[in-house]
Amino acid sequence: MEDIDLNNLPKHIAVIMDGNGRWAKSKGAMRIFGHHHGIAAVRETVEACAEMGVGFLTLYTFSTENWGRPKAEVDGIMSLLVKTIGDEVPTLHKNNVRLKCIGDLNMLPNKAKNEMLEGIEKTKNNTGLVLSLALSYSGKWDIVQAIKQIAAKVKSDELKIEDINEQMFNGFLSTFPDPDVDFLIRTGGDHRISNYLLWQSAYAELLFLDDVFWPDFRKKHLIEAVKTYQQRERRFGKTGEQIKTIK
């Protein structure tokens, strides 16, 4: 941790927590076994972000496409979600972490939805790390739901088409008012972003970990990842010389 430049931290880290099922299969266990063991990785990631001073952490917990998985696995994940939120919210609250959720909560079973809403309500006034769980979420869904809201306001004459710009569009995304993603990490070896925070990650730095499944991810992995981030030059379409001049 002492090698981290605290003046050059990503404000918003997003994580695709991949590899739970393959980790479990490698051990001769059912896929849900991997999801259970992924909780420790979530806990250590949250703690590391809070200790470093990262402001926003968003975890890809369950995508809209995941509803197509075998029913037994989906049911197991939903039950695990209910138990985990109930177990972890007191600690999050104690550590000044604010819990949020992005995605179509109406798709969740009532028990999972209510547990999530209770955790959000309990931690809503906390001022530390903002932890967002992407549940029943996809980047395309997020963009479409924003467009629908904007279209409705144009139809009702609350907005004019010429008023629509990137800044205004941001205000209708489920992540608002969180900043765009600076750093996106994916475990499990796949090199894709899988419909995750498509708009918000337009200029994110990407890191794909080929040899780490999510249940094995720990603080040391996040610290090494942040070191990698700090070695990169973020140009946002400008030249390296321009960036150096600005600095």
Protein backbone atom coordinates (compact mmCIF):
# COMPACT_ATOMS: atom_id res chain seq x y z
CA MET A 1 0.00 0.00 0.00
CA GLU A 2 2.89 2.38 0.68
CA ASP A 3 3.77 2.27 -3.05
CA ILE A 4 0.39 3.74 -4.00
CA ASP A 5 0.32 7.40 -5.06
CA LEU A 6 -2.69 8.67 -3.11
CA ASN A 7 -2.78 11.76 -5.34
CA ASN A 8 -3.35 9.65 -8.44
CA LEU A 9 -6.13 7.28 -7.44
CA PRO A 10 -8.96 6.33 -9.76
CA LYS A 11 -12.07 8.06 -8.43
CA HIS A 12 -14.33 5.30 -9.68
CA ILE A 13 -13.35 1.63 -9.96
CA ALA A 14 -15.67 -0.86 -11.64
CA VAL A 15 -15.17 -4.61 -11.36
CA ILE A 16 -16.48 -7.52 -13.42
CA MET A 17 -16.33 -10.30 -10.85
CA ASP A 18 -15.86 -13.25 -13.22
CA GLY A 19 -14.79 -16.83 -12.72
CA ASN A 20 -16.87 -18.02 -9.76
CA GLY A 21 -18.34 -20.98 -11.63
CA ARG A 22 -15.10 -22.08 -13.26
CA TRP A 23 -13.29 -21.76 -9.91
CA ALA A 24 -15.87 -24.07 -8.33
CA LYS A 25 -15.73 -26.58 -11.20
CA SER A 26 -11.94 -26.72 -10.91
CA LYS A 27 -12.49 -27.92 -7.35
CA GLY A 28 -15.15 -30.47 -8.32
CA ALA A 29 -17.94 -28.41 -6.74
CA MET A 30 -21.20 -26.89 -7.97
CA ARG A 31 -21.08 -23.36 -9.44
CA ILE A 32 -22.90 -21.82 -6.44
CA PHE A 33 -19.92 -22.88 -4.30
CA GLY A 34 -17.85 -20.36 -6.22
CA HIS A 35 -20.40 -17.59 -5.67
CA HIS A 36 -20.27 -18.25 -1.91
CA HIS A 37 -16.49 -17.96 -1.88
CA GLY A 38 -16.64 -14.78 -3.94
CA ILE A 39 -18.04 -12.93 -0.93
CA ALA A 40 -14.60 -12.80 0.72
CA ALA A 41 -13.23 -11.15 -2.43
CA VAL A 42 -15.98 -8.54 -2.31
CA ARG A 43 -15.23 -7.82 1.33
CA GLU A 44 -11.49 -7.38 0.76
CA THR A 45 -12.05 -5.21 -2.32
CA VAL A 46 -14.41 -2.90 -0.43
CA GLU A 47 -11.96 -2.66 2.47
CA ALA A 48 -9.01 -1.92 0.20
CA CYS A 49 -10.89 0.80 -1.69
CA ALA A 50 -11.99 2.41 1.57
CA GLU A 51 -8.46 2.29 2.99
CA MET A 52 -6.93 3.86 -0.13
CA GLY A 53 -9.56 6.57 -0.35
CA VAL A 54 -11.26 5.50 -3.60
CA GLY A 55 -14.59 7.30 -3.76
CA PHE A 56 -16.71 4.95 -5.85
CA LEU A 57 -16.71 1.18 -6.37
CA THR A 58 -19.23 -0.53 -8.66
CA LEU A 59 -19.46 -4.34 -8.78
CA TYR A 60 -21.10 -6.29 -11.60
CA THR A 61 -23.15 -8.56 -9.38
CA PHE A 62 -25.84 -9.94 -11.72
CA SER A 63 -26.48 -8.96 -15.33
CA THR A 64 -29.77 -8.97 -17.23
CA GLU A 65 -28.31 -11.81 -19.30
CA ASN A 66 -27.67 -13.86 -16.14
CA TRP A 67 -31.41 -14.47 -15.80
CA GLY A 68 -30.92 -17.00 -18.62
CA ARG A 69 -28.72 -19.24 -16.46
CA PRO A 70 -30.08 -22.51 -14.97
CA LYS A 71 -32.88 -21.82 -12.49
CA ALA A 72 -31.08 -23.59 -9.64
CA GLU A 73 -28.06 -21.31 -10.01
CA VAL A 74 -30.19 -18.15 -10.27
CA ASP A 75 -32.22 -19.14 -7.19
CA GLY A 76 -29.01 -19.87 -5.30
CA ILE A 77 -27.51 -16.51 -6.22
CA MET A 78 -30.67 -14.66 -5.14
CA SER A 79 -30.73 -16.50 -1.79
CA LEU A 80 -27.04 -15.76 -1.31
CA LEU A 81 -27.67 -12.10 -2.15
CA VAL A 82 -30.34 -11.81 0.54
CA LYS A 83 -28.12 -13.41 3.18
CA THR A 84 -25.01 -11.45 2.21
CA ILE A 85 -26.71 -8.06 2.29
CA GLY A 86 -28.22 -8.87 5.68
CA ASP A 87 -24.84 -9.97 7.02
CA GLU A 88 -22.70 -7.20 5.53
CA VAL A 89 -24.81 -4.03 5.81
CA PRO A 90 -24.08 -3.51 9.54
CA THR A 91 -20.34 -3.57 8.82
CA LEU A 92 -20.72 -1.29 5.79
CA HIS A 93 -22.72 1.15 7.89
CA LYS A 94 -20.17 1.04 10.70
CA ASN A 95 -17.41 1.87 8.20
CA ASN A 96 -19.33 4.82 6.70
CA VAL A 97 -19.89 3.03 3.35
CA ARG A 98 -22.98 4.05 1.37
CA LEU A 99 -24.73 1.22 -0.46
CA LYS A 100 -26.40 1.81 -3.81
CA CYS A 101 -27.94 -0.39 -6.47
CA ILE A 102 -28.09 0.12 -10.22
CA GLY A 103 -30.26 -1.99 -12.50
CA ASP A 104 -33.85 -3.12 -12.84
CA LEU A 105 -34.72 -3.90 -9.23
CA ASN A 106 -38.24 -4.85 -10.23
CA MET A 107 -36.82 -8.03 -11.79
CA LEU A 108 -35.54 -9.23 -8.41
CA PRO A 109 -37.52 -11.54 -6.12
CA ASN A 110 -39.34 -9.48 -3.48
CA LYS A 111 -37.16 -10.73 -0.65
CA ALA A 112 -33.95 -9.75 -2.44
CA LYS A 113 -35.40 -6.41 -3.54
CA ASN A 114 -36.61 -5.53 -0.03
CA GLU A 115 -33.29 -6.52 1.58
CA MET A 116 -31.48 -4.33 -0.94
CA LEU A 117 -33.76 -1.35 -0.34
CA GLU A 118 -33.36 -1.69 3.44
CA GLY A 119 -29.57 -1.65 3.10
CA ILE A 120 -29.71 1.41 0.85
CA GLU A 121 -31.98 3.21 3.30
CA LYS A 122 -29.83 2.37 6.33
CA THR A 123 -26.62 3.66 4.75
CA LYS A 124 -28.00 6.58 2.70
CA ASN A 125 -26.44 9.27 4.91
CA ASN A 126 -22.96 7.74 5.02
CA THR A 127 -20.22 9.91 3.52
CA GLY A 128 -17.43 7.43 2.76
CA LEU A 129 -16.99 4.99 -0.11
CA VAL A 130 -20.03 4.65 -2.39
CA LEU A 131 -20.51 0.93 -3.10
CA SER A 132 -22.87 0.25 -6.01
CA LEU A 133 -24.10 -3.24 -6.82
CA ALA A 134 -25.10 -3.71 -10.45
CA LEU A 135 -28.09 -6.06 -10.15
CA SER A 136 -30.20 -7.11 -13.13
CA TYR A 137 -28.08 -4.56 -14.96
CA SER A 138 -26.73 -4.11 -18.45
CA GLY A 139 -25.20 -1.12 -20.17
CA LYS A 140 -27.69 -1.31 -23.04
CA TRP A 141 -30.61 -1.42 -20.57
CA ASP A 142 -29.21 1.65 -18.83
CA ILE A 143 -28.93 3.64 -22.05
CA VAL A 144 -32.40 2.60 -23.24
CA GLN A 145 -34.08 3.50 -19.94
CA ALA A 146 -32.37 6.92 -20.06
CA ILE A 147 -33.62 7.46 -23.62
CA LYS A 148 -37.16 6.55 -22.59
CA GLN A 149 -37.10 9.11 -19.76
CA ILE A 150 -35.77 11.81 -22.07
CA ALA A 151 -38.31 10.95 -24.79
CA ALA A 152 -41.15 11.21 -22.28
CA LYS A 153 -39.96 14.66 -21.18
CA VAL A 154 -39.67 15.82 -24.79
CA LYS A 155 -43.17 14.51 -25.48
CA SER A 156 -44.56 16.41 -22.48
CA ASP A 157 -42.69 19.59 -23.52
CA GLU A 158 -40.50 19.51 -20.39
CA LEU A 159 -37.44 19.23 -22.63
CA LYS A 160 -36.52 20.43 -26.10
CA ILE A 161 -34.52 18.25 -28.46
CA GLU A 162 -31.83 20.92 -28.75
CA ASP A 163 -31.34 20.73 -24.95
CA ILE A 164 -30.11 17.15 -25.20
CA ASN A 165 -26.35 16.80 -24.75
CA GLU A 166 -23.91 14.44 -23.04
CA GLN A 167 -24.08 16.18 -19.68
CA MET A 168 -27.87 16.14 -19.65
CA PHE A 169 -27.95 12.49 -20.76
CA ASN A 170 -25.67 11.56 -17.83
CA GLY A 171 -28.37 12.78 -15.48
CA PHE A 172 -30.75 10.06 -16.61
CA LEU A 173 -28.37 7.11 -16.21
CA SER A 174 -28.77 4.83 -13.20
CA THR A 175 -25.29 5.73 -11.95
CA PHE A 176 -25.99 9.47 -11.65
CA PRO A 177 -24.51 11.46 -9.91
CA ASP A 178 -21.47 9.18 -9.67
CA PRO A 179 -18.50 10.11 -11.90
CA ASP A 180 -17.58 8.11 -14.99
CA VAL A 181 -15.49 4.98 -14.50
CA ASP A 182 -11.73 5.58 -14.41
CA PHE A 183 -10.60 1.98 -14.04
CA LEU A 184 -12.39 -1.24 -15.01
CA ILE A 185 -10.99 -4.56 -13.78
CA ARG A 186 -12.13 -7.99 -14.94
CA THR A 187 -11.02 -11.25 -13.35
CA GLY A 188 -11.40 -14.71 -14.86
CA GLY A 189 -9.44 -14.42 -18.11
CA ASP A 190 -12.06 -13.13 -20.56
CA HIS A 191 -11.20 -9.94 -22.46
CA ARG A 192 -14.53 -8.18 -22.89
CA ILE A 193 -16.69 -5.77 -20.91
CA SER A 194 -19.88 -7.84 -21.27
CA ASN A 195 -22.44 -5.04 -21.60
CA TYR A 196 -21.25 -3.32 -18.42
CA LEU A 197 -21.33 0.46 -17.89
CA LEU A 198 -20.96 1.09 -21.62
CA TRP A 199 -21.52 4.86 -21.52
CA GLN A 200 -19.75 5.40 -18.21
CA SER A 201 -16.62 3.48 -19.28
CA ALA A 202 -16.03 5.38 -22.53
CA TYR A 203 -12.54 6.45 -21.37
CA ALA A 204 -11.90 3.93 -18.61
CA GLU A 205 -8.57 2.20 -18.33
CA LEU A 206 -9.12 -1.56 -18.70
CA LEU A 207 -7.30 -4.38 -16.93
CA PHE A 208 -8.01 -8.06 -17.62
CA LEU A 209 -6.58 -10.54 -15.12
CA ASP A 210 -5.96 -13.82 -16.91
CA ASP A 211 -4.78 -15.91 -13.98
CA VAL A 212 -7.12 -14.82 -11.17
CA PHE A 213 -10.66 -16.11 -10.70
CA TRP A 214 -12.86 -13.85 -8.58
CA PRO A 215 -12.95 -16.08 -5.44
CA ASP A 216 -9.14 -15.77 -5.24
CA PHE A 217 -9.07 -11.96 -5.65
CA ARG A 218 -7.67 -10.19 -2.58
CA LYS A 219 -6.41 -6.78 -1.44
CA LYS A 220 -2.96 -7.47 -2.88
CA HIS A 221 -4.48 -7.95 -6.33
CA LEU A 222 -6.35 -4.65 -6.13
CA ILE A 223 -3.24 -2.82 -4.92
CA GLU A 224 -1.21 -4.24 -7.82
CA ALA A 225 -4.01 -3.30 -10.21
CA VAL A 226 -4.01 0.30 -8.96
CA LYS A 227 -0.23 0.43 -9.38
CA THR A 228 -0.75 -0.62 -13.01
CA TYR A 229 -3.35 2.12 -13.43
CA GLN A 230 -0.94 4.71 -12.05
CA GLN A 231 1.71 3.75 -14.61
CA ARG A 232 -0.59 4.60 -17.51
CA GLU A 233 -0.98 7.94 -19.24
CA ARG A 234 -4.62 8.98 -19.65
CA ARG A 235 -4.84 11.29 -22.67
CA PHE A 236 -8.59 11.56 -23.37
CA GLY A 237 -7.95 12.12 -27.08
CA LYS A 238 -5.07 14.56 -26.58
CA THR A 239 -1.38 13.93 -27.24
CA GLY A 240 1.09 12.96 -24.56
CA GLU A 241 2.82 16.32 -24.93
CA GLN A 242 -0.44 18.15 -24.32
CA ILE A 243 -1.10 16.16 -21.16
CA LYS A 244 2.37 16.95 -19.81
CA THR A 245 1.80 20.65 -20.51
CA ILE A 246 -1.52 20.60 -18.67
CA LYS A 247 0.08 18.91 -15.68
